[in-house]
C-alpha atoms as a PDB file:
ATOM      1  CA  MET A   1       0.000   0.000   0.000  1.00  0.00           C
ATOM      2  CA  GLN A   2       1.398   3.416  -0.916  1.00  0.00           C
ATOM      3  CA  LYS A   3       2.061   5.875   1.856  1.00  0.00           C
ATOM      4  CA  VAL A   4       0.625   9.369   1.996  1.00  0.00           C
ATOM      5  CA  ASN A   5       1.874  12.019   4.402  1.00  0.00           C
ATOM      6  CA  ASP A   6      -1.254  13.366   6.108  1.00  0.00           C
ATOM      7  CA  ASN A   7       0.455  16.480   7.466  1.00  0.00           C
ATOM      8  CA  LEU A   8      -0.910  19.200   5.208  1.00  0.00           C
ATOM      9  CA  ILE A   9       1.703  21.760   4.261  1.00  0.00           C
ATOM     10  CA  PRO A  10       0.304  25.304   4.283  1.00  0.00           C
ATOM     11  CA  TYR A  11       0.009  26.999   0.908  1.00  0.00           C
ATOM     12  CA  PHE A  12       1.983  29.920   2.257  1.00  0.00           C
ATOM     13  CA  TRP A  13       5.563  29.772   3.441  1.00  0.00           C
ATOM     14  CA  HIS A  14       8.290  32.320   4.231  1.00  0.00           C
ATOM     15  CA  CYS A  15      11.207  32.471   1.827  1.00  0.00           C
ATOM     16  CA  ASN A  16      13.904  35.163   1.970  1.00  0.00           C
ATOM     17  CA  ASN A  17      11.606  37.223   4.200  1.00  0.00           C
ATOM     18  CA  LEU A  18       8.880  37.166   1.531  1.00  0.00           C
ATOM     19  CA  VAL A  19       5.655  35.239   1.500  1.00  0.00           C
ATOM     20  CA  SER A  20       5.361  33.004  -1.571  1.00  0.00           C
ATOM     21  CA  VAL A  21       1.982  31.690  -2.648  1.00  0.00           C
ATOM     22  CA  LEU A  22       1.805  28.131  -3.935  1.00  0.00           C
ATOM     23  CA  LYS A  23      -0.610  27.683  -6.789  1.00  0.00           C
ATOM     24  CA  ASP A  24      -2.816  24.628  -6.785  1.00  0.00           C
ATOM     25  CA  ASN A  25      -4.414  24.793 -10.228  1.00  0.00           C
ATOM     26  CA  PHE A  26      -5.248  21.128 -10.581  1.00  0.00           C
ATOM     27  CA  SER A  27      -7.052  19.736  -7.534  1.00  0.00           C
ATOM     28  CA  ALA A  28     -10.474  20.733  -8.855  1.00  0.00           C
ATOM     29  CA  GLN A  29     -10.043  18.711 -12.064  1.00  0.00           C
ATOM     30  CA  ALA A  30      -7.743  16.022 -10.664  1.00  0.00           C
ATOM     31  CA  SER A  31      -9.970  13.187 -11.887  1.00  0.00           C
ATOM     32  CA  SER A  32     -10.028  14.381 -15.508  1.00  0.00           C
ATOM     33  CA  TYR A  33      -6.327  15.246 -15.312  1.00  0.00           C
ATOM     34  CA  ALA A  34      -5.512  11.671 -14.366  1.00  0.00           C
ATOM     35  CA  GLN A  35      -7.753  10.284 -17.096  1.00  0.00           C
ATOM     36  CA  PHE A  36      -6.902  12.468 -20.076  1.00  0.00           C
ATOM     37  CA  ARG A  37      -3.348  13.755 -19.734  1.00  0.00           C
ATOM     38  CA  PRO A  38      -0.913  12.293 -22.331  1.00  0.00           C
ATOM     39  CA  VAL A  39       1.650   9.599 -21.487  1.00  0.00           C
ATOM     40  CA  TYR A  40       5.343  10.473 -21.750  1.00  0.00           C
ATOM     41  CA  PRO A  41       7.433   8.505 -24.272  1.00  0.00           C
ATOM     42  CA  GLN A  42       9.342   5.437 -23.136  1.00  0.00           C
ATOM     43  CA  GLY A  43      12.395   6.681 -25.010  1.00  0.00           C
ATOM     44  CA  LEU A  44      12.693   9.602 -22.594  1.00  0.00           C
ATOM     45  CA  TYR A  45      12.703   7.281 -19.598  1.00  0.00           C
ATOM     46  CA  ASP A  46      15.235   4.975 -21.262  1.00  0.00           C
ATOM     47  CA  ARG A  47      17.685   7.836 -21.809  1.00  0.00           C
ATOM     48  CA  LEU A  48      17.281   9.073 -18.230  1.00  0.00           C
ATOM     49  CA  LEU A  49      17.773   5.622 -16.722  1.00  0.00           C
ATOM     50  CA  ASP A  50      20.980   5.229 -18.719  1.00  0.00           C
ATOM     51  CA  LEU A  51      22.323   8.405 -17.081  1.00  0.00           C
ATOM     52  CA  VAL A  52      21.642   7.359 -13.482  1.00  0.00           C
ATOM     53  CA  LYS A  53      24.501   5.504 -11.773  1.00  0.00           C
ATOM     54  CA  GLU A  54      22.517   4.074  -8.860  1.00  0.00           C
ATOM     55  CA  LYS A  55      18.807   3.387  -8.630  1.00  0.00           C
ATOM     56  CA  ASN A  56      18.054   3.472  -4.939  1.00  0.00           C
ATOM     57  CA  THR A  57      15.799   6.545  -4.630  1.00  0.00           C
ATOM     58  CA  ALA A  58      14.069   8.801  -7.141  1.00  0.00           C
ATOM     59  CA  TRP A  59      12.199  12.003  -6.323  1.00  0.00           C
ATOM     60  CA  ASP A  60       9.320  12.881  -8.656  1.00  0.00           C
ATOM     61  CA  CYS A  61       8.520  16.479  -7.806  1.00  0.00           C
ATOM     62  CA  GLY A  62       5.168  17.989  -8.736  1.00  0.00           C
ATOM     63  CA  CYS A  63       4.063  14.399  -9.237  1.00  0.00           C
ATOM     64  CA  GLY A  64       0.460  15.129 -10.194  1.00  0.00           C
ATOM     65  CA  ASN A  65      -1.361  11.884 -10.907  1.00  0.00           C
ATOM     66  CA  GLY A  66       1.758   9.760 -10.375  1.00  0.00           C
ATOM     67  CA  GLN A  67       2.346   8.971 -14.041  1.00  0.00           C
ATOM     68  CA  VAL A  68       6.127   9.438 -13.860  1.00  0.00           C
ATOM     69  CA  ALA A  69       6.423   8.007 -10.349  1.00  0.00           C
ATOM     70  CA  SER A  70       4.652   4.855 -11.496  1.00  0.00           C
ATOM     71  CA  VAL A  71       7.156   4.283 -14.308  1.00  0.00           C
ATOM     72  CA  LEU A  72      10.137   5.025 -12.075  1.00  0.00           C
ATOM     73  CA  SER A  73       8.868   2.608  -9.435  1.00  0.00           C
ATOM     74  CA  ALA A  74       9.773  -0.294 -11.735  1.00  0.00           C
ATOM     75  CA  HIS A  75      13.428   0.789 -11.713  1.00  0.00           C
ATOM     76  CA  PHE A  76      14.122   2.289  -8.266  1.00  0.00           C
ATOM     77  CA  ASP A  77      13.922   0.791  -4.784  1.00  0.00           C
ATOM     78  CA  GLU A  78      11.879   3.790  -3.636  1.00  0.00           C
ATOM     79  CA  VAL A  79      10.149   6.684  -5.353  1.00  0.00           C
ATOM     80  CA  ILE A  80       9.272   9.762  -3.317  1.00  0.00           C
ATOM     81  CA  ALA A  81       6.496  11.660  -5.086  1.00  0.00           C
ATOM     82  CA  THR A  82       5.575  15.145  -3.876  1.00  0.00           C
ATOM     83  CA  ASP A  83       2.889  17.652  -4.833  1.00  0.00           C
ATOM     84  CA  ILE A  84       0.905  20.473  -3.213  1.00  0.00           C
ATOM     85  CA  SER A  85      -2.374  19.180  -4.659  1.00  0.00           C
ATOM     86  CA  SER A  86      -4.188  16.807  -2.332  1.00  0.00           C
ATOM     87  CA  GLY A  87      -6.679  16.112  -5.127  1.00  0.00           C
ATOM     88  CA  GLN A  88      -3.936  14.973  -7.468  1.00  0.00           C
ATOM     89  CA  ILE A  89      -2.367  12.710  -4.877  1.00  0.00           C
ATOM     90  CA  GLN A  90      -5.753  11.187  -4.016  1.00  0.00           C
ATOM     91  CA  HIS A  91      -6.109  10.166  -7.684  1.00  0.00           C
ATOM     92  CA  ALA A  92      -2.476   9.086  -8.086  1.00  0.00           C
ATOM     93  CA  ARG A  93      -1.420   5.646  -9.275  1.00  0.00           C
ATOM     94  CA  GLN A  94      -0.612   3.237  -6.485  1.00  0.00           C
ATOM     95  CA  LYS A  95       2.561   1.182  -6.266  1.00  0.00           C
ATOM     96  CA  PRO A  96       4.034  -0.443  -3.135  1.00  0.00           C
ATOM     97  CA  ASN A  97       7.312   1.496  -3.350  1.00  0.00           C
ATOM     98  CA  ILE A  98       5.883   4.958  -4.113  1.00  0.00           C
ATOM     99  CA  ASN A  99       5.827   7.247  -1.092  1.00  0.00           C
ATOM    100  CA  TYR A 100       3.428  10.126  -1.797  1.00  0.00           C
ATOM    101  CA  ARG A 101       3.950  13.259   0.278  1.00  0.00           C
ATOM    102  CA  LEU A 102       1.901  16.453   0.281  1.00  0.00           C
ATOM    103  CA  MET A 103       4.530  19.197   0.348  1.00  0.00           C
ATOM    104  CA  PRO A 104       6.032  21.983  -1.771  1.00  0.00           C
ATOM    105  CA  ALA A 105       9.014  21.409  -4.033  1.00  0.00           C
ATOM    106  CA  GLU A 106      11.066  24.021  -2.233  1.00  0.00           C
ATOM    107  CA  ASN A 107      10.792  22.573   1.277  1.00  0.00           C
ATOM    108  CA  THR A 108      10.647  18.798   1.777  1.00  0.00           C
ATOM    109  CA  ASP A 109      11.490  16.287   4.475  1.00  0.00           C
ATOM    110  CA  ILE A 110      13.613  14.180   2.099  1.00  0.00           C
ATOM    111  CA  LYS A 111      16.936  13.112   3.614  1.00  0.00           C
ATOM    112  CA  THR A 112      20.040  15.027   2.599  1.00  0.00           C
ATOM    113  CA  SER A 113      22.191  13.402  -0.122  1.00  0.00           C
ATOM    114  CA  SER A 114      19.738  10.535  -0.603  1.00  0.00           C
ATOM    115  CA  VAL A 115      18.325  10.910  -4.129  1.00  0.00           C
ATOM    116  CA  ASP A 116      19.726   9.472  -7.376  1.00  0.00           C
ATOM    117  CA  LEU A 117      17.248  11.015  -9.830  1.00  0.00           C
ATOM    118  CA  ILE A 118      15.022  14.102  -9.588  1.00  0.00           C
ATOM    119  CA  THR A 119      12.232  14.443 -12.150  1.00  0.00           C
ATOM    120  CA  VAL A 120       9.836  17.325 -12.752  1.00  0.00           C
ATOM    121  CA  ALA A 121       7.315  16.759 -15.536  1.00  0.00           C
ATOM    122  CA  GLN A 122       5.253  19.721 -16.750  1.00  0.00           C
ATOM    123  CA  ALA A 123       5.570  21.436 -13.370  1.00  0.00           C
ATOM    124  CA  ILE A 124       8.809  23.337 -12.767  1.00  0.00           C
ATOM    125  CA  HIS A 125       7.356  26.564 -14.166  1.00  0.00           C
ATOM    126  CA  TRP A 126       5.203  26.748 -11.022  1.00  0.00           C
ATOM    127  CA  PHE A 127       8.204  26.564  -8.671  1.00  0.00           C
ATOM    128  CA  ASN A 128      10.392  29.153  -6.996  1.00  0.00           C
ATOM    129  CA  PHE A 129      13.450  28.259  -9.055  1.00  0.00           C
ATOM    130  CA  GLU A 130      16.128  29.407  -6.632  1.00  0.00           C
ATOM    131  CA  GLU A 131      14.630  27.666  -3.615  1.00  0.00           C
ATOM    132  CA  PHE A 132      13.810  24.478  -5.515  1.00  0.00           C
ATOM    133  CA  TYR A 133      17.323  24.182  -6.919  1.00  0.00           C
ATOM    134  CA  LYS A 134      18.713  24.703  -3.417  1.00  0.00           C
ATOM    135  CA  GLU A 135      16.518  21.825  -2.224  1.00  0.00           C
ATOM    136  CA  ALA A 136      17.554  19.667  -5.192  1.00  0.00           C
ATOM    137  CA  ARG A 137      21.231  20.164  -4.326  1.00  0.00           C
ATOM    138  CA  ARG A 138      20.505  19.334  -0.692  1.00  0.00           C
ATOM    139  CA  VAL A 139      18.761  16.020  -1.354  1.00  0.00           C
ATOM    140  CA  GLY A 140      20.721  14.963  -4.450  1.00  0.00           C
ATOM    141  CA  LYS A 141      23.690  12.645  -4.251  1.00  0.00           C
ATOM    142  CA  SER A 142      26.961  13.572  -5.915  1.00  0.00           C
ATOM    143  CA  GLU A 143      26.384  13.538  -9.699  1.00  0.00           C
ATOM    144  CA  SER A 144      22.738  12.646  -9.322  1.00  0.00           C
ATOM    145  CA  ILE A 145      20.570  13.607 -12.280  1.00  0.00           C
ATOM    146  CA  ILE A 146      17.877  16.263 -12.464  1.00  0.00           C
ATOM    147  CA  ALA A 147      15.470  16.042 -15.394  1.00  0.00           C
ATOM    148  CA  VAL A 148      12.706  18.524 -16.150  1.00  0.00           C
ATOM    149  CA  TRP A 149      10.478  18.490 -19.194  1.00  0.00           C
ATOM    150  CA  ALA A 150       7.339  19.946 -20.707  1.00  0.00           C
ATOM    151  CA  TYR A 151       5.100  19.267 -23.668  1.00  0.00           C
ATOM    152  CA  LYS A 152       3.369  21.861 -25.808  1.00  0.00           C
ATOM    153  CA  LEU A 153      -0.001  21.915 -27.565  1.00  0.00           C
ATOM    154  CA  PRO A 154      -1.236  18.714 -29.226  1.00  0.00           C
ATOM    155  CA  GLU A 155      -0.859  18.490 -32.986  1.00  0.00           C
ATOM    156  CA  LEU A 156      -3.551  16.573 -34.909  1.00  0.00           C
ATOM    157  CA  ASN A 157      -4.315  18.108 -38.292  1.00  0.00           C
ATOM    158  CA  THR A 158      -4.763  21.620 -39.652  1.00  0.00           C
ATOM    159  CA  PRO A 159      -8.554  22.034 -39.075  1.00  0.00           C
ATOM    160  CA  ILE A 160      -8.465  20.682 -35.515  1.00  0.00           C
ATOM    161  CA  ASP A 161      -5.239  22.485 -34.630  1.00  0.00           C
ATOM    162  CA  LYS A 162      -6.844  25.762 -35.740  1.00  0.00           C
ATOM    163  CA  VAL A 163      -9.729  25.341 -33.278  1.00  0.00           C
ATOM    164  CA  ILE A 164      -7.307  24.390 -30.483  1.00  0.00           C
ATOM    165  CA  GLN A 165      -5.208  27.487 -31.208  1.00  0.00           C
ATOM    166  CA  ASN A 166      -8.338  29.651 -31.130  1.00  0.00           C
ATOM    167  CA  LEU A 167      -9.212  28.279 -27.699  1.00  0.00           C
ATOM    168  CA  TYR A 168      -5.643  28.568 -26.428  1.00  0.00           C
ATOM    169  CA  SER A 169      -4.732  32.034 -27.684  1.00  0.00           C
ATOM    170  CA  ASP A 170      -7.889  33.950 -28.513  1.00  0.00           C
ATOM    171  CA  ILE A 171     -10.458  32.754 -25.974  1.00  0.00           C
ATOM    172  CA  LEU A 172      -8.208  31.982 -23.018  1.00  0.00           C
ATOM    173  CA  GLY A 173      -5.071  33.971 -23.801  1.00  0.00           C
ATOM    174  CA  SER A 174      -3.094  35.789 -21.142  1.00  0.00           C
ATOM    175  CA  GLN A 175      -6.272  36.643 -19.228  1.00  0.00           C
ATOM    176  CA  TYR A 176      -6.834  33.032 -18.153  1.00  0.00           C
ATOM    177  CA  TRP A 177      -3.448  31.378 -18.562  1.00  0.00           C
ATOM    178  CA  ASP A 178      -1.121  31.949 -15.632  1.00  0.00           C
ATOM    179  CA  PRO A 179       1.983  33.988 -16.542  1.00  0.00           C
ATOM    180  CA  GLU A 180       4.184  30.954 -15.821  1.00  0.00           C
ATOM    181  CA  ARG A 181       2.810  29.361 -18.994  1.00  0.00           C
ATOM    182  CA  LYS A 182       5.309  31.448 -20.973  1.00  0.00           C
ATOM    183  CA  PHE A 183       8.109  29.088 -19.915  1.00  0.00           C
ATOM    184  CA  ILE A 184       6.380  26.221 -21.729  1.00  0.00           C
ATOM    185  CA  GLU A 185       5.816  28.380 -24.795  1.00  0.00           C
ATOM    186  CA  GLU A 186       9.554  29.093 -24.746  1.00  0.00           C
ATOM    187  CA  ASN A 187      10.375  25.356 -24.655  1.00  0.00           C
ATOM    188  CA  TYR A 188      11.816  25.703 -21.111  1.00  0.00           C
ATOM    189  CA  GLN A 189      14.852  27.393 -22.650  1.00  0.00           C
ATOM    190  CA  THR A 190      14.337  30.536 -20.556  1.00  0.00           C
ATOM    191  CA  ILE A 191      14.100  28.904 -17.146  1.00  0.00           C
ATOM    192  CA  PRO A 192      17.232  29.189 -15.025  1.00  0.00           C
ATOM    193  CA  PHE A 193      19.065  25.857 -14.982  1.00  0.00           C
ATOM    194  CA  PRO A 194      22.320  26.123 -12.990  1.00  0.00           C
ATOM    195  CA  PHE A 195      23.592  22.596 -13.586  1.00  0.00           C
ATOM    196  CA  GLU A 196      26.127  20.887 -15.813  1.00  0.00           C
ATOM    197  CA  GLU A 197      23.743  20.224 -18.671  1.00  0.00           C
ATOM    198  CA  ILE A 198      23.282  17.056 -20.686  1.00  0.00           C
ATOM    199  CA  LEU A 199      21.653  17.599 -24.067  1.00  0.00           C
ATOM    200  CA  LEU A 200      19.079  15.102 -25.278  1.00  0.00           C
ATOM    201  CA  PRO A 201      17.191  15.086 -28.584  1.00  0.00           C
ATOM    202  CA  GLU A 202      13.617  16.301 -28.830  1.00  0.00           C
ATOM    203  CA  PHE A 203      11.072  13.672 -27.921  1.00  0.00           C
ATOM    204  CA  ARG A 204       7.461  13.413 -28.996  1.00  0.00           C
ATOM    205  CA  ILE A 205       4.400  11.941 -27.373  1.00  0.00           C
ATOM    206  CA  GLU A 206       2.628   9.908 -30.053  1.00  0.00           C
ATOM    207  CA  THR A 207      -0.854   8.532 -29.432  1.00  0.00           C
ATOM    208  CA  SER A 208      -4.329   8.178 -30.927  1.00  0.00           C
ATOM    209  CA  TRP A 209      -7.431   9.873 -29.547  1.00  0.00           C
ATOM    210  CA  THR A 210     -11.148   9.986 -30.029  1.00  0.00           C
ATOM    211  CA  LEU A 211     -12.798  13.395 -30.038  1.00  0.00           C
ATOM    212  CA  GLU A 212     -13.968  12.695 -26.488  1.00  0.00           C
ATOM    213  CA  ASN A 213     -10.324  12.173 -25.459  1.00  0.00           C
ATOM    214  CA  LEU A 214      -9.405  15.556 -26.912  1.00  0.00           C
ATOM    215  CA  LEU A 215     -12.304  17.356 -25.239  1.00  0.00           C
ATOM    216  CA  GLY A 216     -11.485  15.687 -21.921  1.00  0.00           C
ATOM    217  CA  TYR A 217      -7.853  16.788 -22.216  1.00  0.00           C
ATOM    218  CA  LEU A 218      -8.823  20.376 -23.027  1.00  0.00           C
ATOM    219  CA  ASN A 219     -11.170  20.457 -20.033  1.00  0.00           C
ATOM    220  CA  SER A 220      -8.200  19.565 -17.801  1.00  0.00           C
ATOM    221  CA  TRP A 221      -6.421  22.815 -18.722  1.00  0.00           C
ATOM    222  CA  SER A 222      -6.014  25.140 -15.749  1.00  0.00           C
ATOM    223  CA  ALA A 223      -6.984  28.122 -17.926  1.00  0.00           C
ATOM    224  CA  VAL A 224     -10.295  26.460 -18.832  1.00  0.00           C
ATOM    225  CA  GLN A 225     -11.024  26.045 -15.138  1.00  0.00           C
ATOM    226  CA  HIS A 226     -10.131  29.702 -14.532  1.00  0.00           C
ATOM    227  CA  PHE A 227     -12.538  30.698 -17.336  1.00  0.00           C
ATOM    228  CA  ILE A 228     -15.353  28.568 -15.895  1.00  0.00           C
ATOM    229  CA  GLY A 229     -14.739  29.981 -12.433  1.00  0.00           C
ATOM    230  CA  LYS A 230     -14.987  33.558 -13.669  1.00  0.00           C
ATOM    231  CA  LYS A 231     -17.765  33.300 -16.277  1.00  0.00           C
ATOM    232  CA  ASN A 232     -19.584  30.116 -15.263  1.00  0.00           C
ATOM    233  CA  ILE A 233     -19.348  29.007 -18.899  1.00  0.00           C
ATOM    234  CA  ASN A 234     -17.263  26.163 -20.311  1.00  0.00           C
ATOM    235  CA  PRO A 235     -15.334  27.473 -23.349  1.00  0.00           C
ATOM    236  CA  VAL A 236     -14.623  23.913 -24.529  1.00  0.00           C
ATOM    237  CA  GLY A 237     -18.337  23.195 -24.607  1.00  0.00           C
ATOM    238  CA  GLN A 238     -18.931  26.363 -26.576  1.00  0.00           C
ATOM    239  CA  LEU A 239     -16.485  25.152 -29.242  1.00  0.00           C
ATOM    240  CA  GLU A 240     -17.659  21.534 -29.321  1.00  0.00           C
ATOM    241  CA  ALA A 241     -19.607  21.966 -32.567  1.00  0.00           C
ATOM    242  CA  GLU A 242     -16.523  23.451 -34.253  1.00  0.00           C
ATOM    243  CA  PHE A 243     -14.406  20.590 -32.976  1.00  0.00           C
ATOM    244  CA  ARG A 244     -16.874  18.027 -34.307  1.00  0.00           C
ATOM    245  CA  THR A 245     -16.917  19.675 -37.728  1.00  0.00           C
ATOM    246  CA  ALA A 246     -13.106  19.841 -37.840  1.00  0.00           C
ATOM    247  CA  TRP A 247     -12.829  16.240 -36.625  1.00  0.00           C
ATOM    248  CA  GLY A 248     -14.857  14.866 -39.505  1.00  0.00           C
ATOM    249  CA  THR A 249     -16.044  11.288 -39.825  1.00  0.00           C
ATOM    250  CA  GLU A 250     -12.984   9.444 -38.539  1.00  0.00           C
ATOM    251  CA  LYS A 251     -13.391   7.881 -35.099  1.00  0.00           C
ATOM    252  CA  ILE A 252      -9.683   8.003 -34.182  1.00  0.00           C
ATOM    253  CA  CYS A 253      -7.106  10.684 -34.939  1.00  0.00           C
ATOM    254  CA  LYS A 254      -3.348  10.543 -34.433  1.00  0.00           C
ATOM    255  CA  VAL A 255      -2.020  13.036 -31.880  1.00  0.00           C
ATOM    256  CA  SER A 256       1.508  14.289 -31.350  1.00  0.00           C
ATOM    257  CA  PHE A 257       2.978  16.502 -28.613  1.00  0.00           C
ATOM    258  CA  PRO A 258       6.526  17.913 -28.837  1.00  0.00           C
ATOM    259  CA  VAL A 259       8.435  17.362 -25.582  1.00  0.00           C
ATOM    260  CA  TYR A 260      11.315  19.598 -24.471  1.00  0.00           C
ATOM    261  CA  THR A 261      13.824  18.668 -21.771  1.00  0.00           C
ATOM    262  CA  ARG A 262      16.491  20.191 -19.529  1.00  0.00           C
ATOM    263  CA  ILE A 263      18.755  17.527 -18.027  1.00  0.00           C
ATOM    264  CA  GLY A 264      21.654  18.154 -15.665  1.00  0.00           C
ATOM    265  CA  LYS A 265      24.068  16.722 -13.112  1.00  0.00           C
ATOM    266  CA  VAL A 266      23.463  17.739  -9.507  1.00  0.00           C
ATOM    267  CA  ASN A 267      26.387  18.451  -7.149  1.00  0.00           C
ATOM    268  CA  THR A 268      29.205  17.797  -9.629  1.00  0.00           C
END
């Protein structure tokens, strides 16, 4: 049975004499997030595992629904998976050697110099970079690996992509997307990354979806939830007819997401 730390960490904590606010944008739609979010490519995991010298402990930070932690659990003795969203952790995938803990990335109870691999999938843009990297250096072993990655908008075909872009940019735009989203748009190349970097090729998530899969994924967007909260209208529902027209008669459509990585050595 997986373990969950029941000590709730406050969503406010003092850092450099300032109060930082942790954003929990995903608890409300944790169920749909777990169901509809895309699966990361096996090739990415294979390359990361090749870089890790020992496989005692991995830390999956901003673990969400436990997708990455679940894969890592097959290769490490223990996986510590942390998130500030209790809803996400409640819907996370269960494995005997995954230890789920409800706590911020910047301040954990992980033992010093105990971690071989640190992963952050589609989440580091929410963190306080300086404080998180300080914590990563504290818990990471000598030459442990830190791997962060993000995927961008799904690519299907021109008619469908046009409707997605309309939703993303025109309807939601900067008014409903959090400002941290810019780091994903910039392929994570503008985040600070003070580590000896290891360059990997671009990866892609390749899958096949029904229209219902696509609509479910779009409804899991934090900006869609912000829109609903402010206007009490679902913008995905408003565009459903356009999506159905663009989708056409095919039941299944191929979907591709570009994935961008930053990989480094900790404490070299």
